[in-house]
């Protein structure tokens, strides 16, 4: 049962991070095509991230942070 809770917490955390990435994408006027290029993925993979963001890599997070001029902690704010 504990592992199920950990998985749920990890999923919730990934969704929080992805929500903040989407907010930054919107605020910066970045299209899905541009975002997929930034992350080095197809637009289909970008779509999949919206439903299961747990496979976004640290390297991709770093690319978002650098491209949007964000402070890293911005990704973790609720």
PDB file of N, CA and C in Angstrom:
ATOM      1  N   UNK A   1       0.818  -1.184   0.000  1.00  0.00           N
ATOM      2  CA  UNK A   1       0.000   0.000   0.000  1.00  0.00           C
ATOM      3  C   UNK A   1       0.869   1.258   0.000  1.00  0.00           C
ATOM      4  N   UNK A   2       1.981   1.243   0.689  1.00  0.00           N
ATOM      5  CA  UNK A   2       2.855   2.410   0.751  1.00  0.00           C
ATOM      6  C   UNK A   2       3.394   2.773  -0.628  1.00  0.00           C
ATOM      7  N   UNK A   3       3.724   1.774  -1.448  1.00  0.00           N
ATOM      8  CA  UNK A   3       4.250   2.074  -2.774  1.00  0.00           C
ATOM      9  C   UNK A   3       3.188   2.731  -3.649  1.00  0.00           C
ATOM     10  N   UNK A   4       1.932   2.378  -3.455  1.00  0.00           N
ATOM     11  CA  UNK A   4       0.862   3.012  -4.215  1.00  0.00           C
ATOM     12  C   UNK A   4       0.764   4.485  -3.846  1.00  0.00           C
ATOM     13  N   UNK A   5       0.903   4.807  -2.568  1.00  0.00           N
ATOM     14  CA  UNK A   5       0.864   6.191  -2.121  1.00  0.00           C
ATOM     15  C   UNK A   5       2.048   6.958  -2.699  1.00  0.00           C
ATOM     16  N   UNK A   6       3.238   6.359  -2.700  1.00  0.00           N
ATOM     17  CA  UNK A   6       4.412   7.010  -3.253  1.00  0.00           C
ATOM     18  C   UNK A   6       4.229   7.291  -4.740  1.00  0.00           C
ATOM     19  N   UNK A   7       3.671   6.348  -5.463  1.00  0.00           N
ATOM     20  CA  UNK A   7       3.427   6.526  -6.878  1.00  0.00           C
ATOM     21  C   UNK A   7       2.437   7.661  -7.098  1.00  0.00           C
ATOM     22  N   UNK A   8       1.405   7.697  -6.283  1.00  0.00           N
ATOM     23  CA  UNK A   8       0.413   8.763  -6.387  1.00  0.00           C
ATOM     24  C   UNK A   8       1.042  10.115  -6.094  1.00  0.00           C
ATOM     25  N   UNK A   9       1.885  10.196  -5.101  1.00  0.00           N
ATOM     26  CA  UNK A   9       2.566  11.445  -4.768  1.00  0.00           C
ATOM     27  C   UNK A   9       3.488  11.872  -5.904  1.00  0.00           C
ATOM     28  N   UNK A  10       4.197  10.928  -6.490  1.00  0.00           N
ATOM     29  CA  UNK A  10       5.092  11.228  -7.606  1.00  0.00           C
ATOM     30  C   UNK A  10       4.296  11.730  -8.805  1.00  0.00           C
ATOM     31  N   UNK A  11       3.161  11.117  -9.064  1.00  0.00           N
ATOM     32  CA  UNK A  11       2.313  11.538 -10.170  1.00  0.00           C
ATOM     33  C   UNK A  11       1.780  12.941  -9.933  1.00  0.00           C
ATOM     34  N   UNK A  12       1.351  13.213  -8.725  1.00  0.00           N
ATOM     35  CA  UNK A  12       0.846  14.536  -8.370  1.00  0.00           C
ATOM     36  C   UNK A  12       1.939  15.582  -8.533  1.00  0.00           C
ATOM     37  N   UNK A  13       3.145  15.257  -8.113  1.00  0.00           N
ATOM     38  CA  UNK A  13       4.283  16.166  -8.232  1.00  0.00           C
ATOM     39  C   UNK A  13       4.603  16.434  -9.703  1.00  0.00           C
ATOM     40  N   UNK A  14       4.610  15.389 -10.518  1.00  0.00           N
ATOM     41  CA  UNK A  14       4.870  15.533 -11.952  1.00  0.00           C
ATOM     42  C   UNK A  14       3.809  16.406 -12.605  1.00  0.00           C
ATOM     43  N   UNK A  15       2.563  16.244 -12.201  1.00  0.00           N
ATOM     44  CA  UNK A  15       1.483  17.060 -12.756  1.00  0.00           C
ATOM     45  C   UNK A  15       1.626  18.517 -12.348  1.00  0.00           C
ATOM     46  N   UNK A  16       2.075  18.775 -11.132  1.00  0.00           N
ATOM     47  CA  UNK A  16       2.316  20.139 -10.676  1.00  0.00           C
ATOM     48  C   UNK A  16       3.396  20.794 -11.535  1.00  0.00           C
ATOM     49  N   UNK A  17       4.493  20.089 -11.744  1.00  0.00           N
ATOM     50  CA  UNK A  17       5.583  20.612 -12.558  1.00  0.00           C
ATOM     51  C   UNK A  17       5.087  20.883 -13.976  1.00  0.00           C
ATOM     52  N   UNK A  18       4.366  19.923 -14.549  1.00  0.00           N
ATOM     53  CA  UNK A  18       3.893  20.079 -15.921  1.00  0.00           C
ATOM     54  C   UNK A  18       2.905  21.234 -16.031  1.00  0.00           C
ATOM     55  N   UNK A  19       2.074  21.412 -15.032  1.00  0.00           N
ATOM     56  CA  UNK A  19       1.136  22.534 -15.016  1.00  0.00           C
ATOM     57  C   UNK A  19       1.889  23.862 -15.074  1.00  0.00           C
ATOM     58  N   UNK A  20       2.977  23.961 -14.354  1.00  0.00           N
ATOM     59  CA  UNK A  20       3.786  25.178 -14.359  1.00  0.00           C
ATOM     60  C   UNK A  20       4.520  25.360 -15.686  1.00  0.00           C
ATOM     61  N   UNK A  21       4.911  24.271 -16.318  1.00  0.00           N
ATOM     62  CA  UNK A  21       5.522  24.354 -17.646  1.00  0.00           C
ATOM     63  C   UNK A  21       4.495  24.871 -18.652  1.00  0.00           C
ATOM     64  N   UNK A  22       3.285  24.338 -18.605  1.00  0.00           N
ATOM     65  CA  UNK A  22       2.237  24.792 -19.519  1.00  0.00           C
ATOM     66  C   UNK A  22       1.911  26.265 -19.300  1.00  0.00           C
ATOM     67  N   UNK A  23       1.905  26.692 -18.048  1.00  0.00           N
ATOM     68  CA  UNK A  23       1.656  28.104 -17.746  1.00  0.00           C
ATOM     69  C   UNK A  23       2.749  28.972 -18.377  1.00  0.00           C
ATOM     70  N   UNK A  24       4.000  28.564 -18.232  1.00  0.00           N
ATOM     71  CA  UNK A  24       5.117  29.310 -18.820  1.00  0.00           C
ATOM     72  C   UNK A  24       5.016  29.312 -20.345  1.00  0.00           C
ATOM     73  N   UNK A  25       4.622  28.189 -20.911  1.00  0.00           N
ATOM     74  CA  UNK A  25       4.450  28.103 -22.364  1.00  0.00           C
ATOM     75  C   UNK A  25       3.402  29.115 -22.827  1.00  0.00           C
ATOM     76  N   UNK A  26       2.287  29.148 -22.144  1.00  0.00           N
ATOM     77  CA  UNK A  26       1.208  30.070 -22.488  1.00  0.00           C
ATOM     78  C   UNK A  26       1.637  31.528 -22.317  1.00  0.00           C
ATOM     79  N   UNK A  27       2.246  31.838 -21.180  1.00  0.00           N
ATOM     80  CA  UNK A  27       2.651  33.212 -20.906  1.00  0.00           C
ATOM     81  C   UNK A  27       3.716  33.718 -21.874  1.00  0.00           C
ATOM     82  N   UNK A  28       4.510  32.804 -22.416  1.00  0.00           N
ATOM     83  CA  UNK A  28       5.555  33.181 -23.357  1.00  0.00           C
ATOM     84  C   UNK A  28       5.112  33.072 -24.811  1.00  0.00           C
ATOM     85  N   UNK A  29       3.863  32.695 -25.035  1.00  0.00           N
ATOM     86  CA  UNK A  29       3.332  32.616 -26.394  1.00  0.00           C
ATOM     87  C   UNK A  29       4.008  31.569 -27.258  1.00  0.00           C
ATOM     88  N   UNK A  30       4.408  30.479 -26.637  1.00  0.00           N
ATOM     89  CA  UNK A  30       5.109  29.405 -27.347  1.00  0.00           C
ATOM     90  C   UNK A  30       4.089  28.381 -27.847  1.00  0.00           C
ATOM     91  N   UNK A  31       4.152  28.077 -29.127  1.00  0.00           N
ATOM     92  CA  UNK A  31       3.236  27.097 -29.710  1.00  0.00           C
ATOM     93  C   UNK A  31       3.637  25.680 -29.301  1.00  0.00           C
ATOM     94  N   UNK A  32       2.729  24.738 -29.514  1.00  0.00           N
ATOM     95  CA  UNK A  32       3.058  23.336 -29.218  1.00  0.00           C
ATOM     96  C   UNK A  32       4.216  22.863 -30.095  1.00  0.00           C
ATOM     97  N   UNK A  33       4.249  23.297 -31.340  1.00  0.00           N
ATOM     98  CA  UNK A  33       5.351  22.914 -32.232  1.00  0.00           C
ATOM     99  C   UNK A  33       6.681  23.430 -31.684  1.00  0.00           C
ATOM    100  N   UNK A  34       6.714  24.677 -31.261  1.00  0.00           N
ATOM    101  CA  UNK A  34       7.934  25.249 -30.689  1.00  0.00           C
ATOM    102  C   UNK A  34       8.316  24.548 -29.396  1.00  0.00           C
ATOM    103  N   UNK A  35       7.323  24.233 -28.594  1.00  0.00           N
ATOM    104  CA  UNK A  35       7.577  23.557 -27.321  1.00  0.00           C
ATOM    105  C   UNK A  35       8.148  22.165 -27.559  1.00  0.00           C
ATOM    106  N   UNK A  36       7.594  21.451 -28.526  1.00  0.00           N
ATOM    107  CA  UNK A  36       8.107  20.106 -28.804  1.00  0.00           C
ATOM    108  C   UNK A  36       9.543  20.175 -29.307  1.00  0.00           C
ATOM    109  N   UNK A  37       9.862  21.188 -30.102  1.00  0.00           N
ATOM    110  CA  UNK A  37      11.240  21.358 -30.572  1.00  0.00           C
ATOM    111  C   UNK A  37      12.175  21.681 -29.411  1.00  0.00           C
ATOM    112  N   UNK A  38      11.715  22.527 -28.509  1.00  0.00           N
ATOM    113  CA  UNK A  38      12.502  22.880 -27.320  1.00  0.00           C
ATOM    114  C   UNK A  38      12.826  21.643 -26.488  1.00  0.00           C
ATOM    115  N   UNK A  39      11.826  20.771 -26.336  1.00  0.00           N
ATOM    116  CA  UNK A  39      12.010  19.568 -25.525  1.00  0.00           C
ATOM    117  C   UNK A  39      12.664  18.431 -26.299  1.00  0.00           C
ATOM    118  N   UNK A  40      12.769  18.580 -27.607  1.00  0.00           N
ATOM    119  CA  UNK A  40      13.382  17.537 -28.427  1.00  0.00           C
ATOM    120  C   UNK A  40      12.489  16.319 -28.593  1.00  0.00           C
ATOM    121  N   UNK A  41      11.181  16.570 -28.664  1.00  0.00           N
ATOM    122  CA  UNK A  41      10.218  15.483 -28.824  1.00  0.00           C
ATOM    123  C   UNK A  41       9.242  15.838 -29.934  1.00  0.00           C
ATOM    124  N   UNK A  42       8.443  14.869 -30.335  1.00  0.00           N
ATOM    125  CA  UNK A  42       7.403  15.130 -31.321  1.00  0.00           C
ATOM    126  C   UNK A  42       6.222  15.811 -30.643  1.00  0.00           C
ATOM    127  N   UNK A  43       5.340  16.386 -31.447  1.00  0.00           N
ATOM    128  CA  UNK A  43       4.152  16.996 -30.868  1.00  0.00           C
ATOM    129  C   UNK A  43       3.262  15.934 -30.236  1.00  0.00           C
ATOM    130  N   UNK A  44       3.304  14.719 -30.746  1.00  0.00           N
ATOM    131  CA  UNK A  44       2.535  13.616 -30.146  1.00  0.00           C
ATOM    132  C   UNK A  44       3.060  13.310 -28.743  1.00  0.00           C
ATOM    133  N   UNK A  45       4.374  13.281 -28.579  1.00  0.00           N
ATOM    134  CA  UNK A  45       4.959  13.041 -27.257  1.00  0.00           C
ATOM    135  C   UNK A  45       4.602  14.177 -26.317  1.00  0.00           C
ATOM    136  N   UNK A  46       4.625  15.401 -26.817  1.00  0.00           N
ATOM    137  CA  UNK A  46       4.215  16.543 -26.005  1.00  0.00           C
ATOM    138  C   UNK A  46       2.779  16.357 -25.526  1.00  0.00           C
ATOM    139  N   UNK A  47       1.901  15.913 -26.398  1.00  0.00           N
ATOM    140  CA  UNK A  47       0.516  15.619 -26.032  1.00  0.00           C
ATOM    141  C   UNK A  47       0.470  14.541 -24.945  1.00  0.00           C
ATOM    142  N   UNK A  48       1.283  13.503 -25.100  1.00  0.00           N
ATOM    143  CA  UNK A  48       1.317  12.426 -24.105  1.00  0.00           C
ATOM    144  C   UNK A  48       1.791  12.931 -22.744  1.00  0.00           C
ATOM    145  N   UNK A  49       2.741  13.864 -22.737  1.00  0.00           N
ATOM    146  CA  UNK A  49       3.209  14.445 -21.479  1.00  0.00           C
ATOM    147  C   UNK A  49       2.058  15.111 -20.720  1.00  0.00           C
ATOM    148  N   UNK A  50       1.127  15.687 -21.448  1.00  0.00           N
ATOM    149  CA  UNK A  50       0.005  16.368 -20.794  1.00  0.00           C
ATOM    150  C   UNK A  50      -0.871  15.393 -20.030  1.00  0.00           C
ATOM    151  N   UNK A  51      -0.865  14.143 -20.451  1.00  0.00           N
ATOM    152  CA  UNK A  51      -1.667  13.129 -19.775  1.00  0.00           C
ATOM    153  C   UNK A  51      -0.859  12.303 -18.784  1.00  0.00           C
ATOM    154  N   UNK A  52       0.444  12.218 -19.012  1.00  0.00           N
ATOM    155  CA  UNK A  52       1.335  11.502 -18.098  1.00  0.00           C
ATOM    156  C   UNK A  52       2.701  12.185 -18.121  1.00  0.00           C
ATOM    157  N   UNK A  53       2.847  13.246 -17.336  1.00  0.00           N
ATOM    158  CA  UNK A  53       4.085  14.028 -17.381  1.00  0.00           C
ATOM    159  C   UNK A  53       5.268  13.397 -16.654  1.00  0.00           C
ATOM    160  N   UNK A  54       5.093  12.208 -16.125  1.00  0.00           N
ATOM    161  CA  UNK A  54       6.147  11.604 -15.309  1.00  0.00           C
ATOM    162  C   UNK A  54       7.393  11.221 -16.097  1.00  0.00           C
ATOM    163  N   UNK A  55       7.319  11.215 -17.431  1.00  0.00           N
ATOM    164  CA  UNK A  55       8.498  10.820 -18.207  1.00  0.00           C
ATOM    165  C   UNK A  55       9.309  12.013 -18.722  1.00  0.00           C
ATOM    166  N   UNK A  56       8.955  13.223 -18.311  1.00  0.00           N
ATOM    167  CA  UNK A  56       9.745  14.401 -18.669  1.00  0.00           C
ATOM    168  C   UNK A  56      11.088  14.287 -17.945  1.00  0.00           C
ATOM    169  N   UNK A  57      12.166  14.527 -18.681  1.00  0.00           N
ATOM    170  CA  UNK A  57      13.501  14.352 -18.104  1.00  0.00           C
ATOM    171  C   UNK A  57      14.009  15.642 -17.450  1.00  0.00           C
ATOM    172  N   UNK A  58      15.019  15.499 -16.631  1.00  0.00           N
ATOM    173  CA  UNK A  58      15.650  16.649 -15.992  1.00  0.00           C
ATOM    174  C   UNK A  58      16.257  17.558 -17.061  1.00  0.00           C
ATOM    175  N   UNK A  59      16.828  16.972 -18.086  1.00  0.00           N
ATOM    176  CA  UNK A  59      17.407  17.752 -19.180  1.00  0.00           C
ATOM    177  C   UNK A  59      16.325  18.609 -19.850  1.00  0.00           C
ATOM    178  N   UNK A  60      15.143  18.058 -20.023  1.00  0.00           N
ATOM    179  CA  UNK A  60      14.041  18.806 -20.617  1.00  0.00           C
ATOM    180  C   UNK A  60      13.578  19.923 -19.681  1.00  0.00           C
ATOM    181  N   UNK A  61      13.514  19.629 -18.392  1.00  0.00           N
ATOM    182  CA  UNK A  61      13.155  20.666 -17.426  1.00  0.00           C
ATOM    183  C   UNK A  61      14.163  21.808 -17.467  1.00  0.00           C
ATOM    184  N   UNK A  62      15.423  21.475 -17.563  1.00  0.00           N
ATOM    185  CA  UNK A  62      16.479  22.491 -17.641  1.00  0.00           C
ATOM    186  C   UNK A  62      16.308  23.338 -18.891  1.00  0.00           C
ATOM    187  N   UNK A  63      15.952  22.719 -20.012  1.00  0.00           N
ATOM    188  CA  UNK A  63      15.735  23.464 -21.258  1.00  0.00           C
ATOM    189  C   UNK A  63      14.592  24.461 -21.103  1.00  0.00           C
ATOM    190  N   UNK A  64      13.518  24.045 -20.431  1.00  0.00           N
ATOM    191  CA  UNK A  64      12.383  24.940 -20.192  1.00  0.00           C
ATOM    192  C   UNK A  64      12.813  26.102 -19.313  1.00  0.00           C
ATOM    193  N   UNK A  65      13.498  25.800 -18.231  1.00  0.00           N
ATOM    194  CA  UNK A  65      13.948  26.834 -17.289  1.00  0.00           C
ATOM    195  C   UNK A  65      14.822  27.866 -18.005  1.00  0.00           C
ATOM    196  N   UNK A  66      15.776  27.395 -18.793  1.00  0.00           N
ATOM    197  CA  UNK A  66      16.687  28.295 -19.490  1.00  0.00           C
ATOM    198  C   UNK A  66      15.978  29.082 -20.586  1.00  0.00           C
ATOM    199  N   UNK A  67      15.131  28.425 -21.353  1.00  0.00           N
ATOM    200  CA  UNK A  67      14.461  29.086 -22.469  1.00  0.00           C
ATOM    201  C   UNK A  67      13.481  30.159 -22.025  1.00  0.00           C
ATOM    202  N   UNK A  68      12.813  29.924 -20.913  1.00  0.00           N
ATOM    203  CA  UNK A  68      11.825  30.878 -20.431  1.00  0.00           C
ATOM    204  C   UNK A  68      12.384  31.820 -19.366  1.00  0.00           C
ATOM    205  N   UNK A  69      13.667  31.668 -19.039  1.00  0.00           N
ATOM    206  CA  UNK A  69      14.287  32.538 -18.046  1.00  0.00           C
ATOM    207  C   UNK A  69      13.646  32.413 -16.675  1.00  0.00           C
ATOM    208  N   UNK A  70      13.280  31.200 -16.318  1.00  0.00           N
ATOM    209  CA  UNK A  70      12.592  30.940 -15.054  1.00  0.00           C
ATOM    210  C   UNK A  70      13.578  30.630 -13.946  1.00  0.00           C
ATOM    211  N   UNK A  71      13.155  30.863 -12.743  1.00  0.00           N
ATOM    212  CA  UNK A  71      13.876  30.362 -11.583  1.00  0.00           C
ATOM    213  C   UNK A  71      13.428  28.905 -11.416  1.00  0.00           C
ATOM    214  N   UNK A  72      14.337  27.981 -11.144  1.00  0.00           N
ATOM    215  CA  UNK A  72      13.962  26.563 -11.033  1.00  0.00           C
ATOM    216  C   UNK A  72      12.811  26.292 -10.070  1.00  0.00           C
ATOM    217  N   UNK A  73      12.775  27.008  -8.951  1.00  0.00           N
ATOM    218  CA  UNK A  73      11.726  26.748  -7.971  1.00  0.00           C
ATOM    219  C   UNK A  73      10.323  27.090  -8.495  1.00  0.00           C
ATOM    220  N   UNK A  74      10.255  27.867  -9.562  1.00  0.00           N
ATOM    221  CA  UNK A  74       8.972  28.199 -10.165  1.00  0.00           C
ATOM    222  C   UNK A  74       8.223  26.947 -10.593  1.00  0.00           C
ATOM    223  N   UNK A  75       8.944  25.920 -11.003  1.00  0.00           N
ATOM    224  CA  UNK A  75       8.311  24.682 -11.452  1.00  0.00           C
ATOM    225  C   UNK A  75       7.607  23.938 -10.318  1.00  0.00           C
ATOM    226  N   UNK A  76       7.996  24.224  -9.091  1.00  0.00           N
ATOM    227  CA  UNK A  76       7.486  23.461  -7.950  1.00  0.00           C
ATOM    228  C   UNK A  76       6.437  24.197  -7.129  1.00  0.00           C
ATOM    229  N   UNK A  77       6.009  25.351  -7.606  1.00  0.00           N
ATOM    230  CA  UNK A  77       5.010  26.134  -6.878  1.00  0.00           C
ATOM    231  C   UNK A  77       3.598  25.686  -7.224  1.00  0.00           C
ATOM    232  N   UNK A  78       2.788  25.575  -6.205  1.00  0.00           N
ATOM    233  CA  UNK A  78       1.387  25.189  -6.419  1.00  0.00           C
ATOM    234  C   UNK A  78       0.554  26.398  -6.750  1.00  0.00           C
TER     235      UNK A  78
END
